[in-house]
Each structure stands twice: as structure tokens, then as C-alpha cells.
Amino acid sequence: GAFFHMIQQPYIWQLHVWTTLVETILGFIIGFLLGVTGGY
């Protein structure tokens, strides 16, 4: 019940989910480029 209430709140997506998603993807891209280059 708390989960479904949370995901209906716009600020959860705009403030929290979006921030974590941006940090994760940008961090992954940097780690991917460095990892593939160094591993090769």
C-alpha cells in the first residue's frame, strides 16, 4: 500500500528516481569506457 502510494507521487519520480537514474547511468558510462579501454 505504501509502495503504490509512493509511485503515484510526481516528486518521487522527478526528484528521487530521476536523480538516482542519472547518477547510475553516468557512472556506468564512465566506468564502462574506462573498463573496456583498460581491459583491452
PDB file of all heavy atoms in Angstrom:
ATOM      1  N   GLY A   1       0.819  -1.208   0.000  1.00  0.00           N
ATOM      2  CA  GLY A   1       0.000   0.000   0.000  1.00  0.00           C
ATOM      3  C   GLY A   1       0.850   1.253   0.000  1.00  0.00           C
ATOM      4  O   GLY A   1       0.572   2.210  -0.743  1.00  0.00           O
ATOM      5  N   ALA A   2       1.894   1.271   0.836  1.00  0.00           N
ATOM      6  CA  ALA A   2       2.796   2.419   0.871  1.00  0.00           C
ATOM      7  C   ALA A   2       3.544   2.572  -0.451  1.00  0.00           C
ATOM      8  O   ALA A   2       3.757   3.698  -0.936  1.00  0.00           O
ATOM      9  CB  ALA A   2       3.788   2.261   2.022  1.00  0.00           C
ATOM     10  N   PHE A   3       3.924   1.441  -1.052  1.00  0.00           N
ATOM     11  CA  PHE A   3       4.648   1.487  -2.323  1.00  0.00           C
ATOM     12  C   PHE A   3       3.780   2.097  -3.424  1.00  0.00           C
ATOM     13  O   PHE A   3       4.227   2.995  -4.160  1.00  0.00           O
ATOM     14  CB  PHE A   3       5.091   0.079  -2.710  1.00  0.00           C
ATOM     15  CG  PHE A   3       5.606  -0.035  -4.112  1.00  0.00           C
ATOM     16  CD1 PHE A   3       6.871   0.432  -4.447  1.00  0.00           C
ATOM     17  CD2 PHE A   3       4.827  -0.602  -5.115  1.00  0.00           C
ATOM     18  CE1 PHE A   3       7.351   0.332  -5.744  1.00  0.00           C
ATOM     19  CE2 PHE A   3       5.294  -0.712  -6.411  1.00  0.00           C
ATOM     20  CZ  PHE A   3       6.563  -0.241  -6.726  1.00  0.00           C
ATOM     21  N   PHE A   4       2.542   1.646  -3.550  1.00  0.00           N
ATOM     22  CA  PHE A   4       1.666   2.165  -4.600  1.00  0.00           C
ATOM     23  C   PHE A   4       1.305   3.626  -4.349  1.00  0.00           C
ATOM     24  O   PHE A   4       1.112   4.394  -5.296  1.00  0.00           O
ATOM     25  CB  PHE A   4       0.398   1.316  -4.699  1.00  0.00           C
ATOM     26  CG  PHE A   4       0.630  -0.028  -5.331  1.00  0.00           C
ATOM     27  CD1 PHE A   4       0.445  -1.198  -4.607  1.00  0.00           C
ATOM     28  CD2 PHE A   4       1.065  -0.130  -6.644  1.00  0.00           C
ATOM     29  CE1 PHE A   4       0.676  -2.433  -5.176  1.00  0.00           C
ATOM     30  CE2 PHE A   4       1.288  -1.362  -7.230  1.00  0.00           C
ATOM     31  CZ  PHE A   4       1.104  -2.521  -6.500  1.00  0.00           C
ATOM     32  N   HIS A   5       1.252   4.015  -3.092  1.00  0.00           N
ATOM     33  CA  HIS A   5       1.028   5.428  -2.800  1.00  0.00           C
ATOM     34  C   HIS A   5       2.239   6.267  -3.209  1.00  0.00           C
ATOM     35  O   HIS A   5       2.091   7.385  -3.735  1.00  0.00           O
ATOM     36  CB  HIS A   5       0.735   5.610  -1.305  1.00  0.00           C
ATOM     37  CG  HIS A   5       0.561   7.047  -0.904  1.00  0.00           C
ATOM     38  ND1 HIS A   5      -0.549   7.793  -1.233  1.00  0.00           N
ATOM     39  CD2 HIS A   5       1.387   7.889  -0.200  1.00  0.00           C
ATOM     40  CE1 HIS A   5      -0.422   9.019  -0.756  1.00  0.00           C
ATOM     41  NE2 HIS A   5       0.741   9.106  -0.122  1.00  0.00           N
ATOM     42  N   MET A   6       3.432   5.731  -2.970  1.00  0.00           N
ATOM     43  CA  MET A   6       4.654   6.462  -3.306  1.00  0.00           C
ATOM     44  C   MET A   6       4.782   6.681  -4.798  1.00  0.00           C
ATOM     45  O   MET A   6       5.102   7.790  -5.249  1.00  0.00           O
ATOM     46  CB  MET A   6       5.885   5.705  -2.788  1.00  0.00           C
ATOM     47  CG  MET A   6       6.091   5.778  -1.295  1.00  0.00           C
ATOM     48  SD  MET A   6       7.472   4.742  -0.763  1.00  0.00           S
ATOM     49  CE  MET A   6       8.783   5.354  -1.817  1.00  0.00           C
ATOM     50  N   ILE A   7       4.558   5.643  -5.589  1.00  0.00           N
ATOM     51  CA  ILE A   7       4.790   5.762  -7.036  1.00  0.00           C
ATOM     52  C   ILE A   7       3.745   6.643  -7.713  1.00  0.00           C
ATOM     53  O   ILE A   7       3.904   6.987  -8.896  1.00  0.00           O
ATOM     54  CB  ILE A   7       4.825   4.375  -7.707  1.00  0.00           C
ATOM     55  CG1 ILE A   7       3.477   3.665  -7.550  1.00  0.00           C
ATOM     56  CG2 ILE A   7       5.964   3.547  -7.150  1.00  0.00           C
ATOM     57  CD1 ILE A   7       3.425   2.335  -8.277  1.00  0.00           C
ATOM     58  N   GLN A   8       2.710   7.014  -6.987  1.00  0.00           N
ATOM     59  CA  GLN A   8       1.726   7.943  -7.541  1.00  0.00           C
ATOM     60  C   GLN A   8       2.099   9.403  -7.292  1.00  0.00           C
ATOM     61  O   GLN A   8       1.430  10.303  -7.799  1.00  0.00           O
ATOM     62  CB  GLN A   8       0.343   7.658  -6.946  1.00  0.00           C
ATOM     63  CG  GLN A   8      -0.228   6.306  -7.324  1.00  0.00           C
ATOM     64  CD  GLN A   8      -1.519   5.988  -6.607  1.00  0.00           C
ATOM     65  OE1 GLN A   8      -2.110   6.855  -5.954  1.00  0.00           O
ATOM     66  NE2 GLN A   8      -1.966   4.747  -6.693  1.00  0.00           N
ATOM     67  N   GLN A   9       3.162   9.613  -6.525  1.00  0.00           N
ATOM     68  CA  GLN A   9       3.593  10.970  -6.209  1.00  0.00           C
ATOM     69  C   GLN A   9       4.605  11.448  -7.257  1.00  0.00           C
ATOM     70  O   GLN A   9       5.663  10.819  -7.433  1.00  0.00           O
ATOM     71  CB  GLN A   9       4.224  11.037  -4.820  1.00  0.00           C
ATOM     72  CG  GLN A   9       3.369  10.431  -3.718  1.00  0.00           C
ATOM     73  CD  GLN A   9       2.012  11.084  -3.604  1.00  0.00           C
ATOM     74  OE1 GLN A   9       1.901  12.312  -3.658  1.00  0.00           O
ATOM     75  NE2 GLN A   9       0.971  10.271  -3.446  1.00  0.00           N
ATOM     76  N   PRO A  10       4.330  12.547  -7.958  1.00  0.00           N
ATOM     77  CA  PRO A  10       5.256  13.009  -9.010  1.00  0.00           C
ATOM     78  C   PRO A  10       6.661  13.316  -8.493  1.00  0.00           C
ATOM     79  O   PRO A  10       7.651  13.078  -9.191  1.00  0.00           O
ATOM     80  CB  PRO A  10       4.560  14.265  -9.545  1.00  0.00           C
ATOM     81  CG  PRO A  10       3.112  14.086  -9.208  1.00  0.00           C
ATOM     82  CD  PRO A  10       3.111  13.365  -7.900  1.00  0.00           C
ATOM     83  N   TYR A  11       6.765  13.834  -7.258  1.00  0.00           N
ATOM     84  CA  TYR A  11       8.085  14.224  -6.771  1.00  0.00           C
ATOM     85  C   TYR A  11       8.995  13.009  -6.567  1.00  0.00           C
ATOM     86  O   TYR A  11      10.236  13.134  -6.630  1.00  0.00           O
ATOM     87  CB  TYR A  11       7.965  15.029  -5.478  1.00  0.00           C
ATOM     88  CG  TYR A  11       7.758  14.200  -4.232  1.00  0.00           C
ATOM     89  CD1 TYR A  11       8.842  13.807  -3.456  1.00  0.00           C
ATOM     90  CD2 TYR A  11       6.474  13.811  -3.830  1.00  0.00           C
ATOM     91  CE1 TYR A  11       8.660  13.047  -2.308  1.00  0.00           C
ATOM     92  CE2 TYR A  11       6.288  13.054  -2.690  1.00  0.00           C
ATOM     93  CZ  TYR A  11       7.373  12.676  -1.930  1.00  0.00           C
ATOM     94  OH  TYR A  11       7.190  11.916  -0.804  1.00  0.00           O
ATOM     95  N   ILE A  12       8.408  11.840  -6.325  1.00  0.00           N
ATOM     96  CA  ILE A  12       9.220  10.627  -6.182  1.00  0.00           C
ATOM     97  C   ILE A  12       9.984  10.364  -7.472  1.00  0.00           C
ATOM     98  O   ILE A  12      11.182  10.026  -7.454  1.00  0.00           O
ATOM     99  CB  ILE A  12       8.335   9.430  -5.814  1.00  0.00           C
ATOM    100  CG1 ILE A  12       7.722   9.600  -4.422  1.00  0.00           C
ATOM    101  CG2 ILE A  12       9.133   8.119  -5.883  1.00  0.00           C
ATOM    102  CD1 ILE A  12       8.718   9.558  -3.289  1.00  0.00           C
ATOM    103  N   TRP A  13       9.314  10.525  -8.599  1.00  0.00           N
ATOM    104  CA  TRP A  13       9.953  10.265  -9.899  1.00  0.00           C
ATOM    105  C   TRP A  13      10.855  11.420 -10.310  1.00  0.00           C
ATOM    106  O   TRP A  13      11.963  11.202 -10.803  1.00  0.00           O
ATOM    107  CB  TRP A  13       8.880  10.021 -10.958  1.00  0.00           C
ATOM    108  CG  TRP A  13       8.030   8.833 -10.666  1.00  0.00           C
ATOM    109  CD1 TRP A  13       6.811   8.821 -10.046  1.00  0.00           C
ATOM    110  CD2 TRP A  13       8.349   7.466 -10.936  1.00  0.00           C
ATOM    111  NE1 TRP A  13       6.342   7.546  -9.923  1.00  0.00           N
ATOM    112  CE2 TRP A  13       7.267   6.685 -10.460  1.00  0.00           C
ATOM    113  CE3 TRP A  13       9.424   6.820 -11.524  1.00  0.00           C
ATOM    114  CZ2 TRP A  13       7.243   5.300 -10.567  1.00  0.00           C
ATOM    115  CZ3 TRP A  13       9.411   5.442 -11.630  1.00  0.00           C
ATOM    116  CH2 TRP A  13       8.338   4.696 -11.161  1.00  0.00           C
ATOM    117  N   GLN A  14      10.376  12.628 -10.141  1.00  0.00           N
ATOM    118  CA  GLN A  14      11.120  13.789 -10.631  1.00  0.00           C
ATOM    119  C   GLN A  14      12.346  14.110  -9.782  1.00  0.00           C
ATOM    120  O   GLN A  14      13.367  14.556 -10.314  1.00  0.00           O
ATOM    121  CB  GLN A  14      10.181  15.004 -10.666  1.00  0.00           C
ATOM    122  CG  GLN A  14       9.004  14.840 -11.615  1.00  0.00           C
ATOM    123  CD  GLN A  14       7.971  15.941 -11.455  1.00  0.00           C
ATOM    124  OE1 GLN A  14       8.149  16.869 -10.647  1.00  0.00           O
ATOM    125  NE2 GLN A  14       6.889  15.859 -12.202  1.00  0.00           N
ATOM    126  N   LEU A  15      12.241  13.886  -8.484  1.00  0.00           N
ATOM    127  CA  LEU A  15      13.328  14.277  -7.591  1.00  0.00           C
ATOM    128  C   LEU A  15      14.245  13.117  -7.235  1.00  0.00           C
ATOM    129  O   LEU A  15      15.473  13.243  -7.322  1.00  0.00           O
ATOM    130  CB  LEU A  15      12.744  14.881  -6.302  1.00  0.00           C
ATOM    131  CG  LEU A  15      13.752  15.462  -5.302  1.00  0.00           C
ATOM    132  CD1 LEU A  15      14.471  16.662  -5.911  1.00  0.00           C
ATOM    133  CD2 LEU A  15      13.046  15.863  -4.010  1.00  0.00           C
ATOM    134  N   HIS A  16      13.670  11.982  -6.875  1.00  0.00           N
ATOM    135  CA  HIS A  16      14.466  10.886  -6.324  1.00  0.00           C
ATOM    136  C   HIS A  16      14.837   9.839  -7.377  1.00  0.00           C
ATOM    137  O   HIS A  16      16.017   9.520  -7.544  1.00  0.00           O
ATOM    138  CB  HIS A  16      13.718  10.236  -5.165  1.00  0.00           C
ATOM    139  CG  HIS A  16      13.482  11.167  -4.015  1.00  0.00           C
ATOM    140  ND1 HIS A  16      14.514  11.732  -3.297  1.00  0.00           N
ATOM    141  CD2 HIS A  16      12.338  11.645  -3.463  1.00  0.00           C
ATOM    142  CE1 HIS A  16      14.026  12.516  -2.344  1.00  0.00           C
ATOM    143  NE2 HIS A  16      12.707  12.476  -2.422  1.00  0.00           N
ATOM    144  N   VAL A  17      13.855   9.282  -8.066  1.00  0.00           N
ATOM    145  CA  VAL A  17      14.156   8.239  -9.056  1.00  0.00           C
ATOM    146  C   VAL A  17      15.026   8.807 -10.173  1.00  0.00           C
ATOM    147  O   VAL A  17      16.014   8.182 -10.589  1.00  0.00           O
ATOM    148  CB  VAL A  17      12.859   7.637  -9.623  1.00  0.00           C
ATOM    149  CG1 VAL A  17      13.177   6.654 -10.736  1.00  0.00           C
ATOM    150  CG2 VAL A  17      12.062   6.941  -8.523  1.00  0.00           C
ATOM    151  N   TRP A  18      14.680   9.980 -10.658  1.00  0.00           N
ATOM    152  CA  TRP A  18      15.434  10.572 -11.762  1.00  0.00           C
ATOM    153  C   TRP A  18      16.881  10.849 -11.348  1.00  0.00           C
ATOM    154  O   TRP A  18      17.813  10.591 -12.116  1.00  0.00           O
ATOM    155  CB  TRP A  18      14.755  11.851 -12.236  1.00  0.00           C
ATOM    156  CG  TRP A  18      15.518  12.575 -13.299  1.00  0.00           C
ATOM    157  CD1 TRP A  18      16.194  13.761 -13.190  1.00  0.00           C
ATOM    158  CD2 TRP A  18      15.712  12.151 -14.664  1.00  0.00           C
ATOM    159  NE1 TRP A  18      16.780  14.107 -14.381  1.00  0.00           N
ATOM    160  CE2 TRP A  18      16.504  13.138 -15.302  1.00  0.00           C
ATOM    161  CE3 TRP A  18      15.288  11.044 -15.385  1.00  0.00           C
ATOM    162  CZ2 TRP A  18      16.871  13.025 -16.634  1.00  0.00           C
ATOM    163  CZ3 TRP A  18      15.666  10.942 -16.725  1.00  0.00           C
ATOM    164  CH2 TRP A  18      16.445  11.929 -17.331  1.00  0.00           C
ATOM    165  N   THR A  19      17.085  11.362 -10.134  1.00  0.00           N
ATOM    166  CA  THR A  19      18.445  11.653  -9.663  1.00  0.00           C
ATOM    167  C   THR A  19      19.278  10.373  -9.593  1.00  0.00           C
ATOM    168  O   THR A  19      20.422  10.325 -10.071  1.00  0.00           O
ATOM    169  CB  THR A  19      18.392  12.328  -8.287  1.00  0.00           C
ATOM    170  OG1 THR A  19      17.686  13.559  -8.382  1.00  0.00           O
ATOM    171  CG2 THR A  19      19.801  12.604  -7.776  1.00  0.00           C
ATOM    172  N   THR A  20      18.715   9.341  -8.982  1.00  0.00           N
ATOM    173  CA  THR A  20      19.445   8.069  -8.878  1.00  0.00           C
ATOM    174  C   THR A  20      19.716   7.482 -10.254  1.00  0.00           C
ATOM    175  O   THR A  20      20.807   6.937 -10.506  1.00  0.00           O
ATOM    176  CB  THR A  20      18.636   7.071  -8.039  1.00  0.00           C
ATOM    177  OG1 THR A  20      18.438   7.621  -6.732  1.00  0.00           O
ATOM    178  CG2 THR A  20      19.372   5.748  -7.913  1.00  0.00           C
ATOM    179  N   LEU A  21      18.758   7.585 -11.162  1.00  0.00           N
ATOM    180  CA  LEU A  21      18.939   7.041 -12.502  1.00  0.00           C
ATOM    181  C   LEU A  21      20.050   7.771 -13.253  1.00  0.00           C
ATOM    182  O   LEU A  21      20.885   7.131 -13.915  1.00  0.00           O
ATOM    183  CB  LEU A  21      17.619   7.131 -13.276  1.00  0.00           C
ATOM    184  CG  LEU A  21      17.549   6.420 -14.622  1.00  0.00           C
ATOM    185  CD1 LEU A  21      17.754   4.917 -14.437  1.00  0.00           C
ATOM    186  CD2 LEU A  21      16.205   6.678 -15.299  1.00  0.00           C
ATOM    187  N   VAL A  22      20.082   9.088 -13.157  1.00  0.00           N
ATOM    188  CA  VAL A  22      21.131   9.867 -13.829  1.00  0.00           C
ATOM    189  C   VAL A  22      22.499   9.517 -13.259  1.00  0.00           C
ATOM    190  O   VAL A  22      23.469   9.304 -14.011  1.00  0.00           O
ATOM    191  CB  VAL A  22      20.840  11.375 -13.694  1.00  0.00           C
ATOM    192  CG1 VAL A  22      22.048  12.199 -14.152  1.00  0.00           C
ATOM    193  CG2 VAL A  22      19.612  11.757 -14.505  1.00  0.00           C
ATOM    194  N   GLU A  23      22.604   9.466 -11.946  1.00  0.00           N
ATOM    195  CA  GLU A  23      23.887   9.122 -11.318  1.00  0.00           C
ATOM    196  C   GLU A  23      24.342   7.724 -11.726  1.00  0.00           C
ATOM    197  O   GLU A  23      25.529   7.513 -12.014  1.00  0.00           O
ATOM    198  CB  GLU A  23      23.745   9.191  -9.797  1.00  0.00           C
ATOM    199  CG  GLU A  23      23.481  10.570  -9.258  1.00  0.00           C
ATOM    200  CD  GLU A  23      23.046  10.571  -7.809  1.00  0.00           C
ATOM    201  OE1 GLU A  23      22.787   9.469  -7.280  1.00  0.00           O
ATOM    202  OE2 GLU A  23      22.961  11.660  -7.209  1.00  0.00           O
ATOM    203  N   THR A  24      23.398   6.790 -11.779  1.00  0.00           N
ATOM    204  CA  THR A  24      23.749   5.414 -12.127  1.00  0.00           C
ATOM    205  C   THR A  24      24.219   5.311 -13.574  1.00  0.00           C
ATOM    206  O   THR A  24      25.259   4.687 -13.856  1.00  0.00           O
ATOM    207  CB  THR A  24      22.534   4.498 -11.910  1.00  0.00           C
ATOM    208  OG1 THR A  24      22.147   4.547 -10.535  1.00  0.00           O
ATOM    209  CG2 THR A  24      22.863   3.064 -12.294  1.00  0.00           C
ATOM    210  N   ILE A  25      23.485   5.892 -14.480  1.00  0.00           N
ATOM    211  CA  ILE A  25      23.819   5.762 -15.901  1.00  0.00           C
ATOM    212  C   ILE A  25      25.114   6.498 -16.229  1.00  0.00           C
ATOM    213  O   ILE A  25      25.986   5.958 -16.935  1.00  0.00           O
ATOM    214  CB  ILE A  25      22.655   6.276 -16.767  1.00  0.00           C
ATOM    215  CG1 ILE A  25      21.455   5.344 -16.610  1.00  0.00           C
ATOM    216  CG2 ILE A  25      23.060   6.367 -18.235  1.00  0.00           C
ATOM    217  CD1 ILE A  25      20.232   5.776 -17.368  1.00  0.00           C
ATOM    218  N   LEU A  26      25.283   7.708 -15.715  1.00  0.00           N
ATOM    219  CA  LEU A  26      26.525   8.438 -15.991  1.00  0.00           C
ATOM    220  C   LEU A  26      27.727   7.727 -15.367  1.00  0.00           C
ATOM    221  O   LEU A  26      28.792   7.622 -15.993  1.00  0.00           O
ATOM    222  CB  LEU A  26      26.423   9.865 -15.462  1.00  0.00           C
ATOM    223  CG  LEU A  26      25.442  10.786 -16.187  1.00  0.00           C
ATOM    224  CD1 LEU A  26      25.430  12.167 -15.559  1.00  0.00           C
ATOM    225  CD2 LEU A  26      25.788  10.885 -17.680  1.00  0.00           C
ATOM    226  N   GLY A  27      27.553   7.239 -14.148  1.00  0.00           N
ATOM    227  CA  GLY A  27      28.640   6.488 -13.526  1.00  0.00           C
ATOM    228  C   GLY A  27      28.956   5.224 -14.288  1.00  0.00           C
ATOM    229  O   GLY A  27      30.129   4.861 -14.457  1.00  0.00           O
ATOM    230  N   PHE A  28      27.918   4.546 -14.767  1.00  0.00           N
ATOM    231  CA  PHE A  28      28.149   3.327 -15.547  1.00  0.00           C
ATOM    232  C   PHE A  28      28.873   3.639 -16.853  1.00  0.00           C
ATOM    233  O   PHE A  28      29.784   2.898 -17.253  1.00  0.00           O
ATOM    234  CB  PHE A  28      26.816   2.644 -15.851  1.00  0.00           C
ATOM    235  CG  PHE A  28      26.925   1.508 -16.824  1.00  0.00           C
ATOM    236  CD1 PHE A  28      27.420   0.271 -16.422  1.00  0.00           C
ATOM    237  CD2 PHE A  28      26.570   1.681 -18.153  1.00  0.00           C
ATOM    238  CE1 PHE A  28      27.538  -0.770 -17.323  1.00  0.00           C
ATOM    239  CE2 PHE A  28      26.683   0.643 -19.060  1.00  0.00           C
ATOM    240  CZ  PHE A  28      27.168  -0.580 -18.648  1.00  0.00           C
ATOM    241  N   ILE A  29      28.477   4.691 -17.541  1.00  0.00           N
ATOM    242  CA  ILE A  29      29.124   5.039 -18.815  1.00  0.00           C
ATOM    243  C   ILE A  29      30.614   5.314 -18.608  1.00  0.00           C
ATOM    244  O   ILE A  29      31.460   4.831 -19.371  1.00  0.00           O
ATOM    245  CB  ILE A  29      28.423   6.257 -19.455  1.00  0.00           C
ATOM    246  CG1 ILE A  29      27.015   5.863 -19.918  1.00  0.00           C
ATOM    247  CG2 ILE A  29      29.235   6.785 -20.629  1.00  0.00           C
ATOM    248  CD1 ILE A  29      26.204   7.036 -20.434  1.00  0.00           C
ATOM    249  N   ILE A  30      30.938   6.086 -17.572  1.00  0.00           N
ATOM    250  CA  ILE A  30      32.351   6.369 -17.294  1.00  0.00           C
ATOM    251  C   ILE A  30      33.093   5.088 -16.946  1.00  0.00           C
ATOM    252  O   ILE A  30      34.181   4.807 -17.467  1.00  0.00           O
ATOM    253  CB  ILE A  30      32.468   7.397 -16.168  1.00  0.00           C
ATOM    254  CG1 ILE A  30      31.881   8.739 -16.589  1.00  0.00           C
ATOM    255  CG2 ILE A  30      33.932   7.567 -15.749  1.00  0.00           C
ATOM    256  CD1 ILE A  30      31.806   9.766 -15.475  1.00  0.00           C
ATOM    257  N   GLY A  31      32.515   4.273 -16.059  1.00  0.00           N
ATOM    258  CA  GLY A  31      33.152   3.014 -15.697  1.00  0.00           C
ATOM    259  C   GLY A  31      33.272   2.068 -16.883  1.00  0.00           C
ATOM    260  O   GLY A  31      34.271   1.341 -17.000  1.00  0.00           O
ATOM    261  N   PHE A  32      32.268   2.084 -17.759  1.00  0.00           N
ATOM    262  CA  PHE A  32      32.297   1.212 -18.942  1.00  0.00           C
ATOM    263  C   PHE A  32      33.426   1.616 -19.887  1.00  0.00           C
ATOM    264  O   PHE A  32      34.196   0.759 -20.349  1.00  0.00           O
ATOM    265  CB  PHE A  32      30.954   1.285 -19.654  1.00  0.00           C
ATOM    266  CG  PHE A  32      30.865   0.423 -20.884  1.00  0.00           C
ATOM    267  CD1 PHE A  32      30.542  -0.922 -20.772  1.00  0.00           C
ATOM    268  CD2 PHE A  32      31.108   0.948 -22.144  1.00  0.00           C
ATOM    269  CE1 PHE A  32      30.460  -1.726 -21.899  1.00  0.00           C
ATOM    270  CE2 PHE A  32      31.033   0.160 -23.271  1.00  0.00           C
ATOM    271  CZ  PHE A  32      30.711  -1.191 -23.145  1.00  0.00           C
ATOM    272  N   LEU A  33      33.528   2.895 -20.177  1.00  0.00           N
ATOM    273  CA  LEU A  33      34.571   3.357 -21.108  1.00  0.00           C
ATOM    274  C   LEU A  33      35.967   3.085 -20.546  1.00  0.00           C
ATOM    275  O   LEU A  33      36.848   2.593 -21.268  1.00  0.00           O
ATOM    276  CB  LEU A  33      34.389   4.849 -21.385  1.00  0.00           C
ATOM    277  CG  LEU A  33      33.110   5.242 -22.137  1.00  0.00           C
ATOM    278  CD1 LEU A  33      33.011   6.754 -22.273  1.00  0.00           C
ATOM    279  CD2 LEU A  33      33.067   4.581 -23.509  1.00  0.00           C
ATOM    280  N   LEU A  34      36.161   3.386 -19.269  1.00  0.00           N
ATOM    281  CA  LEU A  34      37.467   3.131 -18.657  1.00  0.00           C
ATOM    282  C   LEU A  34      37.739   1.631 -18.557  1.00  0.00           C
ATOM    283  O   LEU A  34      38.869   1.177 -18.788  1.00  0.00           O
ATOM    284  CB  LEU A  34      37.532   3.773 -17.274  1.00  0.00           C
ATOM    285  CG  LEU A  34      37.480   5.308 -17.224  1.00  0.00           C
ATOM    286  CD1 LEU A  34      37.457   5.789 -15.779  1.00  0.00           C
ATOM    287  CD2 LEU A  34      38.654   5.918 -17.979  1.00  0.00           C
ATOM    288  N   GLY A  35      36.721   0.845 -18.208  1.00  0.00           N
ATOM    289  CA  GLY A  35      36.910  -0.589 -18.046  1.00  0.00           C
ATOM    290  C   GLY A  35      37.210  -1.291 -19.353  1.00  0.00           C
ATOM    291  O   GLY A  35      38.107  -2.149 -19.414  1.00  0.00           O
ATOM    292  N   VAL A  36      36.477  -0.945 -20.415  1.00  0.00           N
ATOM    293  CA  VAL A  36      36.717  -1.582 -21.709  1.00  0.00           C
ATOM    294  C   VAL A  36      38.085  -1.187 -22.254  1.00  0.00           C
ATOM    295  O   VAL A  36      38.839  -2.034 -22.758  1.00  0.00           O
ATOM    296  CB  VAL A  36      35.600  -1.204 -22.703  1.00  0.00           C
ATOM    297  CG1 VAL A  36      35.960  -1.651 -24.114  1.00  0.00           C
ATOM    298  CG2 VAL A  36      34.281  -1.840 -22.279  1.00  0.00           C
ATOM    299  N   THR A  37      38.420   0.096 -22.155  1.00  0.00           N
ATOM    300  CA  THR A  37      39.728   0.547 -22.645  1.00  0.00           C
ATOM    301  C   THR A  37      40.868  -0.111 -21.863  1.00  0.00           C
ATOM    302  O   THR A  37      41.807  -0.666 -22.452  1.00  0.00           O
ATOM    303  CB  THR A  37      39.838   2.071 -22.539  1.00  0.00           C
ATOM    304  OG1 THR A  37      38.778   2.685 -23.272  1.00  0.00           O
ATOM    305  CG2 THR A  37      41.176   2.551 -23.099  1.00  0.00           C
ATOM    306  N   GLY A  38      40.779  -0.054 -20.538  1.00  0.00           N
ATOM    307  CA  GLY A  38      41.833  -0.660 -19.728  1.00  0.00           C
ATOM    308  C   GLY A  38      41.888  -2.164 -19.877  1.00  0.00           C
ATOM    309  O   GLY A  38      42.974  -2.756 -19.937  1.00  0.00           O
ATOM    310  N   GLY A  39      40.729  -2.813 -19.957  1.00  0.00           N
ATOM    311  CA  GLY A  39      40.706  -4.262 -20.123  1.00  0.00           C
ATOM    312  C   GLY A  39      41.278  -4.704 -21.454  1.00  0.00           C
ATOM    313  O   GLY A  39      41.979  -5.727 -21.530  1.00  0.00           O
ATOM    314  N   TYR A  40      40.983  -3.940 -22.492  1.00  0.00           N
ATOM    315  CA  TYR A  40      41.542  -4.285 -23.810  1.00  0.00           C
ATOM    316  C   TYR A  40      43.065  -4.165 -23.797  1.00  0.00           C
ATOM    317  O   TYR A  40      43.771  -5.052 -24.296  1.00  0.00           O
ATOM    318  CB  TYR A  40      40.950  -3.379 -24.879  1.00  0.00           C
ATOM    319  CG  TYR A  40      41.506  -3.637 -26.258  1.00  0.00           C
ATOM    320  CD1 TYR A  40      40.998  -4.665 -27.037  1.00  0.00           C
ATOM    321  CD2 TYR A  40      42.541  -2.865 -26.776  1.00  0.00           C
ATOM    322  CE1 TYR A  40      41.511  -4.924 -28.305  1.00  0.00           C
ATOM    323  CE2 TYR A  40      43.057  -3.112 -28.030  1.00  0.00           C
ATOM    324  CZ  TYR A  40      42.538  -4.137 -28.791  1.00  0.00           C
ATOM    325  OH  TYR A  40      43.061  -4.398 -30.042  1.00  0.00           O
TER     326      TYR A  40
END
